[in-house]
PDB file of N, CA and C in Angstrom:
ATOM      1  N   UNK A   1     140.328  16.067 -48.630  1.00  0.00           N
ATOM      2  CA  UNK A   1     139.863  17.425 -48.841  1.00  0.00           C
ATOM      3  C   UNK A   1     138.930  17.801 -47.688  1.00  0.00           C
ATOM      4  N   UNK A   2     139.141  18.969 -47.142  1.00  0.00           N
ATOM      5  CA  UNK A   2     138.349  19.429 -45.999  1.00  0.00           C
ATOM      6  C   UNK A   2     136.975  19.893 -46.459  1.00  0.00           C
ATOM      7  N   UNK A   3     135.987  19.601 -45.646  1.00  0.00           N
ATOM      8  CA  UNK A   3     134.625  20.058 -45.936  1.00  0.00           C
ATOM      9  C   UNK A   3     134.515  21.547 -45.621  1.00  0.00           C
ATOM     10  N   UNK A   4     133.738  22.243 -46.411  1.00  0.00           N
ATOM     11  CA  UNK A   4     133.521  23.667 -46.210  1.00  0.00           C
ATOM     12  C   UNK A   4     132.115  23.867 -45.655  1.00  0.00           C
ATOM     13  N   UNK A   5     132.031  24.610 -44.565  1.00  0.00           N
ATOM     14  CA  UNK A   5     130.723  24.872 -43.962  1.00  0.00           C
ATOM     15  C   UNK A   5     129.940  25.850 -44.827  1.00  0.00           C
ATOM     16  N   UNK A   6     128.646  25.602 -44.925  1.00  0.00           N
ATOM     17  CA  UNK A   6     127.754  26.526 -45.611  1.00  0.00           C
ATOM     18  C   UNK A   6     126.616  26.903 -44.667  1.00  0.00           C
ATOM     19  N   UNK A   7     125.670  27.706 -45.157  1.00  0.00           N
ATOM     20  CA  UNK A   7     124.568  28.159 -44.314  1.00  0.00           C
ATOM     21  C   UNK A   7     123.779  26.994 -43.726  1.00  0.00           C
ATOM     22  N   UNK A   8     123.589  25.955 -44.521  1.00  0.00           N
ATOM     23  CA  UNK A   8     122.805  24.807 -44.056  1.00  0.00           C
ATOM     24  C   UNK A   8     123.501  24.115 -42.887  1.00  0.00           C
ATOM     25  N   UNK A   9     124.808  23.930 -42.994  1.00  0.00           N
ATOM     26  CA  UNK A   9     125.522  23.267 -41.896  1.00  0.00           C
ATOM     27  C   UNK A   9     125.542  24.145 -40.645  1.00  0.00           C
ATOM     28  N   UNK A  10     125.711  25.453 -40.813  1.00  0.00           N
ATOM     29  CA  UNK A  10     125.631  26.345 -39.653  1.00  0.00           C
ATOM     30  C   UNK A  10     124.234  26.303 -39.038  1.00  0.00           C
ATOM     31  N   UNK A  11     123.201  26.366 -39.874  1.00  0.00           N
ATOM     32  CA  UNK A  11     121.828  26.323 -39.357  1.00  0.00           C
ATOM     33  C   UNK A  11     121.560  25.020 -38.613  1.00  0.00           C
ATOM     34  N   UNK A  12     122.084  23.919 -39.140  1.00  0.00           N
ATOM     35  CA  UNK A  12     121.897  22.628 -38.470  1.00  0.00           C
ATOM     36  C   UNK A  12     122.569  22.612 -37.106  1.00  0.00           C
ATOM     37  N   UNK A  13     123.772  23.144 -37.031  1.00  0.00           N
ATOM     38  CA  UNK A  13     124.479  23.189 -35.759  1.00  0.00           C
ATOM     39  C   UNK A  13     123.765  24.097 -34.762  1.00  0.00           C
ATOM     40  N   UNK A  14     123.317  25.252 -35.221  1.00  0.00           N
ATOM     41  CA  UNK A  14     122.606  26.179 -34.330  1.00  0.00           C
ATOM     42  C   UNK A  14     121.301  25.548 -33.857  1.00  0.00           C
ATOM     43  N   UNK A  15     120.602  24.855 -34.739  1.00  0.00           N
ATOM     44  CA  UNK A  15     119.363  24.171 -34.350  1.00  0.00           C
ATOM     45  C   UNK A  15     119.629  23.082 -33.317  1.00  0.00           C
ATOM     46  N   UNK A  16     120.722  22.354 -33.480  1.00  0.00           N
ATOM     47  CA  UNK A  16     121.086  21.333 -32.492  1.00  0.00           C
ATOM     48  C   UNK A  16     121.400  21.983 -31.152  1.00  0.00           C
ATOM     49  N   UNK A  17     122.072  23.111 -31.182  1.00  0.00           N
ATOM     50  CA  UNK A  17     122.355  23.854 -29.941  1.00  0.00           C
ATOM     51  C   UNK A  17     121.050  24.300 -29.281  1.00  0.00           C
ATOM     52  N   UNK A  18     120.109  24.707 -30.098  1.00  0.00           N
ATOM     53  CA  UNK A  18     118.804  25.128 -29.585  1.00  0.00           C
ATOM     54  C   UNK A  18     118.113  23.978 -28.868  1.00  0.00           C
ATOM     55  N   UNK A  19     118.117  22.819 -29.503  1.00  0.00           N
ATOM     56  CA  UNK A  19     117.472  21.646 -28.906  1.00  0.00           C
ATOM     57  C   UNK A  19     118.120  21.272 -27.582  1.00  0.00           C
ATOM     58  N   UNK A  20     119.424  21.518 -27.465  1.00  0.00           N
ATOM     59  CA  UNK A  20     120.159  21.180 -26.249  1.00  0.00           C
ATOM     60  C   UNK A  20     120.212  22.349 -25.256  1.00  0.00           C
ATOM     61  N   UNK A  21     119.585  23.468 -25.615  1.00  0.00           N
ATOM     62  CA  UNK A  21     119.640  24.697 -24.806  1.00  0.00           C
ATOM     63  C   UNK A  21     121.085  25.126 -24.551  1.00  0.00           C
ATOM     64  N   UNK A  22     121.958  24.881 -25.516  1.00  0.00           N
ATOM     65  CA  UNK A  22     123.368  25.267 -25.438  1.00  0.00           C
ATOM     66  C   UNK A  22     123.524  26.658 -26.039  1.00  0.00           C
ATOM     67  N   UNK A  23     122.999  27.653 -25.318  1.00  0.00           N
ATOM     68  CA  UNK A  23     122.926  29.008 -25.852  1.00  0.00           C
ATOM     69  C   UNK A  23     124.295  29.612 -26.128  1.00  0.00           C
ATOM     70  N   UNK A  24     125.286  29.328 -25.295  1.00  0.00           N
ATOM     71  CA  UNK A  24     126.614  29.906 -25.523  1.00  0.00           C
ATOM     72  C   UNK A  24     127.224  29.400 -26.828  1.00  0.00           C
ATOM     73  N   UNK A  25     127.076  28.110 -27.088  1.00  0.00           N
ATOM     74  CA  UNK A  25     127.597  27.532 -28.323  1.00  0.00           C
ATOM     75  C   UNK A  25     126.808  28.080 -29.515  1.00  0.00           C
ATOM     76  N   UNK A  26     125.510  28.226 -29.355  1.00  0.00           N
ATOM     77  CA  UNK A  26     124.679  28.779 -30.433  1.00  0.00           C
ATOM     78  C   UNK A  26     125.116  30.198 -30.787  1.00  0.00           C
ATOM     79  N   UNK A  27     125.369  31.018 -29.773  1.00  0.00           N
ATOM     80  CA  UNK A  27     125.792  32.398 -30.030  1.00  0.00           C
ATOM     81  C   UNK A  27     127.177  32.442 -30.675  1.00  0.00           C
ATOM     82  N   UNK A  28     128.064  31.581 -30.211  1.00  0.00           N
ATOM     83  CA  UNK A  28     129.399  31.507 -30.804  1.00  0.00           C
ATOM     84  C   UNK A  28     129.308  31.063 -32.268  1.00  0.00           C
ATOM     85  N   UNK A  29     128.444  30.095 -32.539  1.00  0.00           N
ATOM     86  CA  UNK A  29     128.265  29.613 -33.906  1.00  0.00           C
ATOM     87  C   UNK A  29     127.667  30.695 -34.794  1.00  0.00           C
ATOM     88  N   UNK A  30     126.716  31.465 -34.251  1.00  0.00           N
ATOM     89  CA  UNK A  30     126.153  32.591 -35.016  1.00  0.00           C
ATOM     90  C   UNK A  30     127.245  33.597 -35.367  1.00  0.00           C
ATOM     91  N   UNK A  31     128.106  33.888 -34.407  1.00  0.00           N
ATOM     92  CA  UNK A  31     129.218  34.821 -34.655  1.00  0.00           C
ATOM     93  C   UNK A  31     130.133  34.295 -35.755  1.00  0.00           C
ATOM     94  N   UNK A  32     130.417  32.999 -35.712  1.00  0.00           N
ATOM     95  CA  UNK A  32     131.254  32.382 -36.743  1.00  0.00           C
ATOM     96  C   UNK A  32     130.580  32.448 -38.111  1.00  0.00           C
ATOM     97  N   UNK A  33     129.284  32.215 -38.139  1.00  0.00           N
ATOM     98  CA  UNK A  33     128.528  32.282 -39.391  1.00  0.00           C
ATOM     99  C   UNK A  33     128.657  33.670 -40.012  1.00  0.00           C
ATOM    100  N   UNK A  34     128.431  34.690 -39.213  1.00  0.00           N
ATOM    101  CA  UNK A  34     128.504  36.062 -39.714  1.00  0.00           C
ATOM    102  C   UNK A  34     129.937  36.407 -40.128  1.00  0.00           C
ATOM    103  N   UNK A  35     130.906  36.021 -39.301  1.00  0.00           N
ATOM    104  CA  UNK A  35     132.311  36.321 -39.602  1.00  0.00           C
ATOM    105  C   UNK A  35     132.796  35.615 -40.872  1.00  0.00           C
ATOM    106  N   UNK A  36     132.188  34.479 -41.187  1.00  0.00           N
ATOM    107  CA  UNK A  36     132.603  33.720 -42.374  1.00  0.00           C
ATOM    108  C   UNK A  36     132.158  34.378 -43.674  1.00  0.00           C
ATOM    109  N   UNK A  37     131.271  35.351 -43.561  1.00  0.00           N
ATOM    110  CA  UNK A  37     130.773  36.010 -44.758  1.00  0.00           C
ATOM    111  C   UNK A  37     129.521  35.368 -45.324  1.00  0.00           C
ATOM    112  N   UNK A  38     129.078  34.275 -44.705  1.00  0.00           N
ATOM    113  CA  UNK A  38     127.827  33.644 -45.129  1.00  0.00           C
ATOM    114  C   UNK A  38     126.652  34.437 -44.575  1.00  0.00           C
ATOM    115  N   UNK A  39     125.488  34.244 -45.158  1.00  0.00           N
ATOM    116  CA  UNK A  39     124.311  35.007 -44.744  1.00  0.00           C
ATOM    117  C   UNK A  39     123.550  34.304 -43.629  1.00  0.00           C
ATOM    118  N   UNK A  40     123.424  35.008 -42.504  1.00  0.00           N
ATOM    119  CA  UNK A  40     122.547  34.533 -41.432  1.00  0.00           C
ATOM    120  C   UNK A  40     121.123  34.858 -41.859  1.00  0.00           C
ATOM    121  N   UNK A  41     120.256  33.858 -41.848  1.00  0.00           N
ATOM    122  CA  UNK A  41     118.878  34.070 -42.277  1.00  0.00           C
ATOM    123  C   UNK A  41     117.933  33.919 -41.100  1.00  0.00           C
ATOM    124  N   UNK A  42     116.649  33.979 -41.380  1.00  0.00           N
ATOM    125  CA  UNK A  42     115.647  33.882 -40.321  1.00  0.00           C
ATOM    126  C   UNK A  42     115.736  32.540 -39.602  1.00  0.00           C
ATOM    127  N   UNK A  43     116.120  31.486 -40.310  1.00  0.00           N
ATOM    128  CA  UNK A  43     116.238  30.162 -39.693  1.00  0.00           C
ATOM    129  C   UNK A  43     117.367  30.147 -38.674  1.00  0.00           C
ATOM    130  N   UNK A  44     118.547  30.603 -39.072  1.00  0.00           N
ATOM    131  CA  UNK A  44     119.684  30.596 -38.148  1.00  0.00           C
ATOM    132  C   UNK A  44     119.443  31.523 -36.970  1.00  0.00           C
ATOM    133  N   UNK A  45     118.904  32.694 -37.224  1.00  0.00           N
ATOM    134  CA  UNK A  45     118.655  33.652 -36.135  1.00  0.00           C
ATOM    135  C   UNK A  45     117.599  33.131 -35.163  1.00  0.00           C
ATOM    136  N   UNK A  46     116.508  32.599 -35.684  1.00  0.00           N
ATOM    137  CA  UNK A  46     115.443  32.096 -34.815  1.00  0.00           C
ATOM    138  C   UNK A  46     115.926  30.898 -34.006  1.00  0.00           C
ATOM    139  N   UNK A  47     116.727  30.034 -34.614  1.00  0.00           N
ATOM    140  CA  UNK A  47     117.270  28.892 -33.880  1.00  0.00           C
ATOM    141  C   UNK A  47     118.194  29.363 -32.757  1.00  0.00           C
ATOM    142  N   UNK A  48     119.003  30.382 -33.014  1.00  0.00           N
ATOM    143  CA  UNK A  48     119.886  30.922 -31.972  1.00  0.00           C
ATOM    144  C   UNK A  48     119.070  31.558 -30.854  1.00  0.00           C
ATOM    145  N   UNK A  49     118.007  32.263 -31.217  1.00  0.00           N
ATOM    146  CA  UNK A  49     117.123  32.846 -30.206  1.00  0.00           C
ATOM    147  C   UNK A  49     116.489  31.735 -29.381  1.00  0.00           C
ATOM    148  N   UNK A  50     116.051  30.671 -30.038  1.00  0.00           N
ATOM    149  CA  UNK A  50     115.419  29.552 -29.333  1.00  0.00           C
ATOM    150  C   UNK A  50     116.378  28.913 -28.340  1.00  0.00           C
ATOM    151  N   UNK A  51     117.669  28.915 -28.658  1.00  0.00           N
ATOM    152  CA  UNK A  51     118.658  28.369 -27.726  1.00  0.00           C
ATOM    153  C   UNK A  51     118.698  29.195 -26.439  1.00  0.00           C
ATOM    154  N   UNK A  52     118.258  30.437 -26.519  1.00  0.00           N
ATOM    155  CA  UNK A  52     118.229  31.329 -25.351  1.00  0.00           C
ATOM    156  C   UNK A  52     116.888  31.312 -24.637  1.00  0.00           C
ATOM    157  N   UNK A  53     115.945  30.508 -25.115  1.00  0.00           N
ATOM    158  CA  UNK A  53     114.573  30.559 -24.602  1.00  0.00           C
ATOM    159  C   UNK A  53     114.413  30.020 -23.188  1.00  0.00           C
ATOM    160  N   UNK A  54     115.461  29.447 -22.650  1.00  0.00           N
ATOM    161  CA  UNK A  54     115.405  28.959 -21.277  1.00  0.00           C
ATOM    162  C   UNK A  54     115.473  30.064 -20.242  1.00  0.00           C
ATOM    163  N   UNK A  55     115.470  31.307 -20.670  1.00  0.00           N
ATOM    164  CA  UNK A  55     115.483  32.428 -19.745  1.00  0.00           C
ATOM    165  C   UNK A  55     116.561  33.448 -20.032  1.00  0.00           C
ATOM    166  N   UNK A  56     117.353  33.233 -21.068  1.00  0.00           N
ATOM    167  CA  UNK A  56     118.408  34.183 -21.439  1.00  0.00           C
ATOM    168  C   UNK A  56     117.799  35.283 -22.294  1.00  0.00           C
ATOM    169  N   UNK A  57     116.872  36.031 -21.698  1.00  0.00           N
ATOM    170  CA  UNK A  57     116.062  36.982 -22.449  1.00  0.00           C
ATOM    171  C   UNK A  57     116.869  38.147 -23.013  1.00  0.00           C
ATOM    172  N   UNK A  58     117.885  38.607 -22.314  1.00  0.00           N
ATOM    173  CA  UNK A  58     118.689  39.716 -22.841  1.00  0.00           C
ATOM    174  C   UNK A  58     119.415  39.300 -24.115  1.00  0.00           C
ATOM    175  N   UNK A  59     119.947  38.099 -24.128  1.00  0.00           N
ATOM    176  CA  UNK A  59     120.609  37.593 -25.322  1.00  0.00           C
ATOM    177  C   UNK A  59     119.608  37.416 -26.458  1.00  0.00           C
ATOM    178  N   UNK A  60     118.411  36.926 -26.114  1.00  0.00           N
ATOM    179  CA  UNK A  60     117.368  36.745 -27.130  1.00  0.00           C
ATOM    180  C   UNK A  60     116.986  38.087 -27.759  1.00  0.00           C
ATOM    181  N   UNK A  61     116.855  39.120 -26.932  1.00  0.00           N
ATOM    182  CA  UNK A  61     116.527  40.447 -27.457  1.00  0.00           C
ATOM    183  C   UNK A  61     117.648  40.995 -28.331  1.00  0.00           C
ATOM    184  N   UNK A  62     118.891  40.759 -27.924  1.00  0.00           N
ATOM    185  CA  UNK A  62     120.027  41.212 -28.743  1.00  0.00           C
ATOM    186  C   UNK A  62     120.015  40.529 -30.110  1.00  0.00           C
ATOM    187  N   UNK A  63     119.710  39.237 -30.103  1.00  0.00           N
ATOM    188  CA  UNK A  63     119.641  38.514 -31.379  1.00  0.00           C
ATOM    189  C   UNK A  63     118.502  39.021 -32.249  1.00  0.00           C
ATOM    190  N   UNK A  64     117.374  39.326 -31.639  1.00  0.00           N
ATOM    191  CA  UNK A  64     116.251  39.869 -32.409  1.00  0.00           C
ATOM    192  C   UNK A  64     116.641  41.189 -33.053  1.00  0.00           C
ATOM    193  N   UNK A  65     117.320  42.046 -32.305  1.00  0.00           N
ATOM    194  CA  UNK A  65     117.793  43.317 -32.859  1.00  0.00           C
ATOM    195  C   UNK A  65     118.822  43.078 -33.961  1.00  0.00           C
ATOM    196  N   UNK A  66     119.692  42.092 -33.762  1.00  0.00           N
ATOM    197  CA  UNK A  66     120.710  41.780 -34.763  1.00  0.00           C
ATOM    198  C   UNK A  66     120.085  41.280 -36.061  1.00  0.00           C
ATOM    199  N   UNK A  67     118.927  40.639 -35.969  1.00  0.00           N
ATOM    200  CA  UNK A  67     118.269  40.148 -37.175  1.00  0.00           C
ATOM    201  C   UNK A  67     118.020  41.287 -38.146  1.00  0.00           C
ATOM    202  N   UNK A  68     117.566  42.385 -37.633  1.00  0.00           N
ATOM    203  CA  UNK A  68     117.290  43.529 -38.511  1.00  0.00           C
ATOM    204  C   UNK A  68     118.579  44.033 -39.158  1.00  0.00           C
ATOM    205  N   UNK A  69     119.658  44.092 -38.376  1.00  0.00           N
ATOM    206  CA  UNK A  69     120.946  44.532 -38.917  1.00  0.00           C
ATOM    207  C   UNK A  69     121.473  43.557 -39.962  1.00  0.00           C
ATOM    208  N   UNK A  70     121.172  42.281 -39.793  1.00  0.00           N
ATOM    209  CA  UNK A  70     121.609  41.253 -40.739  1.00  0.00           C
ATOM    210  C   UNK A  70     120.658  41.109 -41.923  1.00  0.00           C
ATOM    211  N   UNK A  71     119.610  41.897 -41.919  1.00  0.00           N
ATOM    212  CA  UNK A  71     118.577  41.846 -42.961  1.00  0.00           C
ATOM    213  C   UNK A  71     117.875  40.501 -43.020  1.00  0.00           C
ATOM    214  N   UNK A  72     117.718  39.901 -41.844  1.00  0.00           N
ATOM    215  CA  UNK A  72     116.938  38.670 -41.703  1.00  0.00           C
ATOM    216  C   UNK A  72     115.636  39.086 -41.037  1.00  0.00           C
ATOM    217  N   UNK A  73     114.579  39.158 -41.785  1.00  0.00           N
ATOM    218  CA  UNK A  73     113.297  39.666 -41.299  1.00  0.00           C
ATOM    219  C   UNK A  73     112.718  38.763 -40.213  1.00  0.00           C
ATOM    220  N   UNK A  74     112.553  39.285 -38.990  1.00  0.00           N
ATOM    221  CA  UNK A  74     111.922  38.482 -37.938  1.00  0.00           C
ATOM    222  C   UNK A  74     110.500  38.086 -38.342  1.00  0.00           C
ATOM    223  N   UNK A  75     110.075  36.925 -37.907  1.00  0.00           N
ATOM    224  CA  UNK A  75     108.720  36.471 -38.175  1.00  0.00           C
ATOM    225  C   UNK A  75     108.035  36.114 -36.856  1.00  0.00           C
ATOM    226  N   UNK A  76     106.864  35.545 -36.930  1.00  0.00           N
ATOM    227  CA  UNK A  76     106.127  35.224 -35.704  1.00  0.00           C
ATOM    228  C   UNK A  76     106.866  34.189 -34.863  1.00  0.00           C
ATOM    229  N   UNK A  77     107.584  33.266 -35.496  1.00  0.00           N
ATOM    230  CA  UNK A  77     108.357  32.278 -34.735  1.00  0.00           C
ATOM    231  C   UNK A  77     109.492  32.957 -33.973  1.00  0.00           C
ATOM    232  N   UNK A  78     110.148  33.918 -34.609  1.00  0.00           N
ATOM    233  CA  UNK A  78     111.219  34.669 -33.942  1.00  0.00           C
ATOM    234  C   UNK A  78     110.670  35.391 -32.718  1.00  0.00           C
ATOM    235  N   UNK A  79     109.553  36.076 -32.904  1.00  0.00           N
ATOM    236  CA  UNK A  79     108.943  36.818 -31.799  1.00  0.00           C
ATOM    237  C   UNK A  79     108.489  35.873 -30.693  1.00  0.00           C
ATOM    238  N   UNK A  80     107.949  34.733 -31.069  1.00  0.00           N
ATOM    239  CA  UNK A  80     107.450  33.786 -30.068  1.00  0.00           C
ATOM    240  C   UNK A  80     108.577  33.246 -29.186  1.00  0.00           C
ATOM    241  N   UNK A  81     109.736  32.944 -29.773  1.00  0.00           N
ATOM    242  CA  UNK A  81     110.819  32.417 -28.953  1.00  0.00           C
ATOM    243  C   UNK A  81     111.453  33.500 -28.093  1.00  0.00           C
ATOM    244  N   UNK A  82     111.456  34.745 -28.570  1.00  0.00           N
ATOM    245  CA  UNK A  82     111.921  35.846 -27.720  1.00  0.00           C
ATOM    246  C   UNK A  82     110.976  36.010 -26.543  1.00  0.00           C
ATOM    247  N   UNK A  83     109.686  35.977 -26.821  1.00  0.00           N
ATOM    248  CA  UNK A  83     108.708  36.069 -25.729  1.00  0.00           C
ATOM    249  C   UNK A  83     108.891  34.936 -24.735  1.00  0.00           C
ATOM    250  N   UNK A  84     109.142  33.731 -25.223  1.00  0.00           N
ATOM    251  CA  UNK A  84     109.344  32.593 -24.326  1.00  0.00           C
ATOM    252  C   UNK A  84     110.571  32.806 -23.446  1.00  0.00           C
ATOM    253  N   UNK A  85     111.637  33.345 -24.025  1.00  0.00           N
ATOM    254  CA  UNK A  85     112.843  33.632 -23.236  1.00  0.00           C
ATOM    255  C   UNK A  85     112.544  34.666 -22.160  1.00  0.00           C
ATOM    256  N   UNK A  86     111.763  35.684 -22.510  1.00  0.00           N
ATOM    257  CA  UNK A  86     111.395  36.719 -21.533  1.00  0.00           C
ATOM    258  C   UNK A  86     110.498  36.149 -20.435  1.00  0.00           C
ATOM    259  N   UNK A  87     109.567  35.305 -20.823  1.00  0.00           N
ATOM    260  CA  UNK A  87     108.677  34.664 -19.847  1.00  0.00           C
ATOM    261  C   UNK A  87     109.504  33.793 -18.902  1.00  0.00           C
ATOM    262  N   UNK A  88     110.351  32.954 -19.472  1.00  0.00           N
ATOM    263  CA  UNK A  88     111.167  32.058 -18.653  1.00  0.00           C
ATOM    264  C   UNK A  88     112.161  32.816 -17.788  1.00  0.00           C
ATOM    265  N   UNK A  89     112.565  33.995 -18.242  1.00  0.00           N
ATOM    266  CA  UNK A  89     113.474  34.823 -17.463  1.00  0.00           C
ATOM    267  C   UNK A  89     112.768  35.746 -16.488  1.00  0.00           C
ATOM    268  N   UNK A  90     111.426  35.746 -16.523  1.00  0.00           N
ATOM    269  CA  UNK A  90     110.650  36.567 -15.600  1.00  0.00           C
ATOM    270  C   UNK A  90     110.636  38.051 -15.920  1.00  0.00           C
ATOM    271  N   UNK A  91     110.927  38.400 -17.148  1.00  0.00           N
ATOM    272  CA  UNK A  91     110.950  39.812 -17.539  1.00  0.00           C
ATOM    273  C   UNK A  91     109.588  40.216 -18.112  1.00  0.00           C
ATOM    274  N   UNK A  92     108.617  40.395 -17.224  1.00  0.00           N
ATOM    275  CA  UNK A  92     107.237  40.659 -17.646  1.00  0.00           C
ATOM    276  C   UNK A  92     107.081  42.007 -18.318  1.00  0.00           C
ATOM    277  N   UNK A  93     107.851  43.006 -17.912  1.00  0.00           N
ATOM    278  CA  UNK A  93     107.748  44.308 -18.577  1.00  0.00           C
ATOM    279  C   UNK A  93     108.211  44.188 -20.030  1.00  0.00           C
ATOM    280  N   UNK A  94     109.212  43.361 -20.268  1.00  0.00           N
ATOM    281  CA  UNK A  94     109.675  43.132 -21.640  1.00  0.00           C
ATOM    282  C   UNK A  94     108.638  42.356 -22.427  1.00  0.00           C
ATOM    283  N   UNK A  95     107.966  41.406 -21.790  1.00  0.00           N
ATOM    284  CA  UNK A  95     106.904  40.648 -22.455  1.00  0.00           C
ATOM    285  C   UNK A  95     105.810  41.607 -22.918  1.00  0.00           C
ATOM    286  N   UNK A  96     105.391  42.498 -22.025  1.00  0.00           N
ATOM    287  CA  UNK A  96     104.349  43.466 -22.401  1.00  0.00           C
ATOM    288  C   UNK A  96     104.809  44.369 -23.538  1.00  0.00           C
ATOM    289  N   UNK A  97     106.038  44.870 -23.439  1.00  0.00           N
ATOM    290  CA  UNK A  97     106.565  45.750 -24.490  1.00  0.00           C
ATOM    291  C   UNK A  97     106.694  45.004 -25.815  1.00  0.00           C
ATOM    292  N   UNK A  98     107.153  43.753 -25.756  1.00  0.00           N
ATOM    293  CA  UNK A  98     107.264  42.947 -26.972  1.00  0.00           C
ATOM    294  C   UNK A  98     105.895  42.703 -27.587  1.00  0.00           C
ATOM    295  N   UNK A  99     104.927  42.437 -26.755  1.00  0.00           N
ATOM    296  CA  UNK A  99     103.566  42.178 -27.243  1.00  0.00           C
ATOM    297  C   UNK A  99     103.039  43.387 -27.997  1.00  0.00           C
ATOM    298  N   UNK A 100     103.250  44.563 -27.431  1.00  0.00           N
ATOM    299  CA  UNK A 100     102.793  45.782 -28.095  1.00  0.00           C
ATOM    300  C   UNK A 100     103.567  46.018 -29.388  1.00  0.00           C
ATOM    301  N   UNK A 101     104.867  45.804 -29.352  1.00  0.00           N
ATOM    302  CA  UNK A 101     105.702  45.980 -30.529  1.00  0.00           C
ATOM    303  C   UNK A 101     105.345  44.962 -31.608  1.00  0.00           C
ATOM    304  N   UNK A 102     105.082  43.721 -31.201  1.00  0.00           N
ATOM    305  CA  UNK A 102     104.726  42.674 -32.163  1.00  0.00           C
ATOM    306  C   UNK A 102     103.459  43.044 -32.903  1.00  0.00           C
ATOM    307  N   UNK A 103     102.498  43.614 -32.209  1.00  0.00           N
ATOM    308  CA  UNK A 103     101.256  44.029 -32.868  1.00  0.00           C
ATOM    309  C   UNK A 103     101.541  45.092 -33.912  1.00  0.00           C
ATOM    310  N   UNK A 104     102.428  46.019 -33.571  1.00  0.00           N
ATOM    311  CA  UNK A 104     102.741  47.102 -34.502  1.00  0.00           C
ATOM    312  C   UNK A 104     103.547  46.594 -35.691  1.00  0.00           C
ATOM    313  N   UNK A 105     104.304  45.535 -35.510  1.00  0.00           N
ATOM    314  CA  UNK A 105     105.113  44.986 -36.593  1.00  0.00           C
ATOM    315  C   UNK A 105     104.359  43.956 -37.422  1.00  0.00           C
ATOM    316  N   UNK A 106     103.070  43.793 -37.178  1.00  0.00           N
ATOM    317  CA  UNK A 106     102.298  42.839 -37.953  1.00  0.00           C
ATOM    318  C   UNK A 106     102.406  41.416 -37.454  1.00  0.00           C
ATOM    319  N   UNK A 107     102.866  41.241 -36.236  1.00  0.00           N
ATOM    320  CA  UNK A 107     103.005  39.902 -35.673  1.00  0.00           C
ATOM    321  C   UNK A 107     101.924  39.699 -34.621  1.00  0.00           C
ATOM    322  N   UNK A 108     100.722  40.057 -34.938  1.00  0.00           N
ATOM    323  CA  UNK A 108      99.647  40.068 -33.947  1.00  0.00           C
ATOM    324  C   UNK A 108      99.284  38.680 -33.432  1.00  0.00           C
ATOM    325  N   UNK A 109      99.712  37.619 -34.109  1.00  0.00           N
ATOM    326  CA  UNK A 109      99.383  36.288 -33.618  1.00  0.00           C
ATOM    327  C   UNK A 109     100.199  35.911 -32.390  1.00  0.00           C
ATOM    328  N   UNK A 110     101.225  36.693 -32.075  1.00  0.00           N
ATOM    329  CA  UNK A 110     102.016  36.453 -30.865  1.00  0.00           C
ATOM    330  C   UNK A 110     101.249  37.062 -29.705  1.00  0.00           C
ATOM    331  N   UNK A 111     100.982  36.238 -28.701  1.00  0.00           N
ATOM    332  CA  UNK A 111     100.183  36.725 -27.584  1.00  0.00           C
ATOM    333  C   UNK A 111     100.947  36.575 -26.284  1.00  0.00           C
ATOM    334  N   UNK A 112     100.532  37.336 -25.302  1.00  0.00           N
ATOM    335  CA  UNK A 112     101.142  37.262 -23.978  1.00  0.00           C
ATOM    336  C   UNK A 112     100.678  35.967 -23.338  1.00  0.00           C
ATOM    337  N   UNK A 113     101.606  35.044 -23.091  1.00  0.00           N
ATOM    338  CA  UNK A 113     101.242  33.738 -22.569  1.00  0.00           C
ATOM    339  C   UNK A 113     101.386  33.654 -21.053  1.00  0.00           C
ATOM    340  N   UNK A 114     101.545  34.774 -20.393  1.00  0.00           N
ATOM    341  CA  UNK A 114     101.690  34.757 -18.928  1.00  0.00           C
ATOM    342  C   UNK A 114     100.491  34.091 -18.294  1.00  0.00           C
ATOM    343  N   UNK A 115      99.301  34.361 -18.813  1.00  0.00           N
ATOM    344  CA  UNK A 115      98.096  33.762 -18.235  1.00  0.00           C
ATOM    345  C   UNK A 115      98.107  32.236 -18.348  1.00  0.00           C
ATOM    346  N   UNK A 116      98.796  31.702 -19.370  1.00  0.00           N
ATOM    347  CA  UNK A 116      98.894  30.256 -19.517  1.00  0.00           C
ATOM    348  C   UNK A 116      99.738  29.619 -18.425  1.00  0.00           C
ATOM    349  N   UNK A 117     100.598  30.415 -17.814  1.00  0.00           N
ATOM    350  CA  UNK A 117     101.518  29.898 -16.825  1.00  0.00           C
ATOM    351  C   UNK A 117     100.992  30.036 -15.404  1.00  0.00           C
ATOM    352  N   UNK A 118      99.931  30.802 -15.236  1.00  0.00           N
ATOM    353  CA  UNK A 118      99.398  31.050 -13.890  1.00  0.00           C
ATOM    354  C   UNK A 118      98.383  29.997 -13.496  1.00  0.00           C
TER     355      UNK A 118
END
């Protein structure tokens, strides 16, 4: 009998992709999760964003926007990994805009870490 994937198995795979910085596989797995009719949650979305944290900031921003459409409420961890992707990608204007937006969304604990890198 074939095993059936559930949210936990998808989340585990996406998290493994994140650890390996395999962003393309993570995004493909997220697409499969959504297409399967299972619910993408904050864990799966944040893990997919983290897979993009090596500098794939545009993909990270798209995933953050998709979280709202998927009704997966972004949290401070989601915002932090998007910021890390923007920092690693050198998109400082996006970092500033995200910082301002994070404050307005109640994620004030997310701070601009550019000074930590200088």
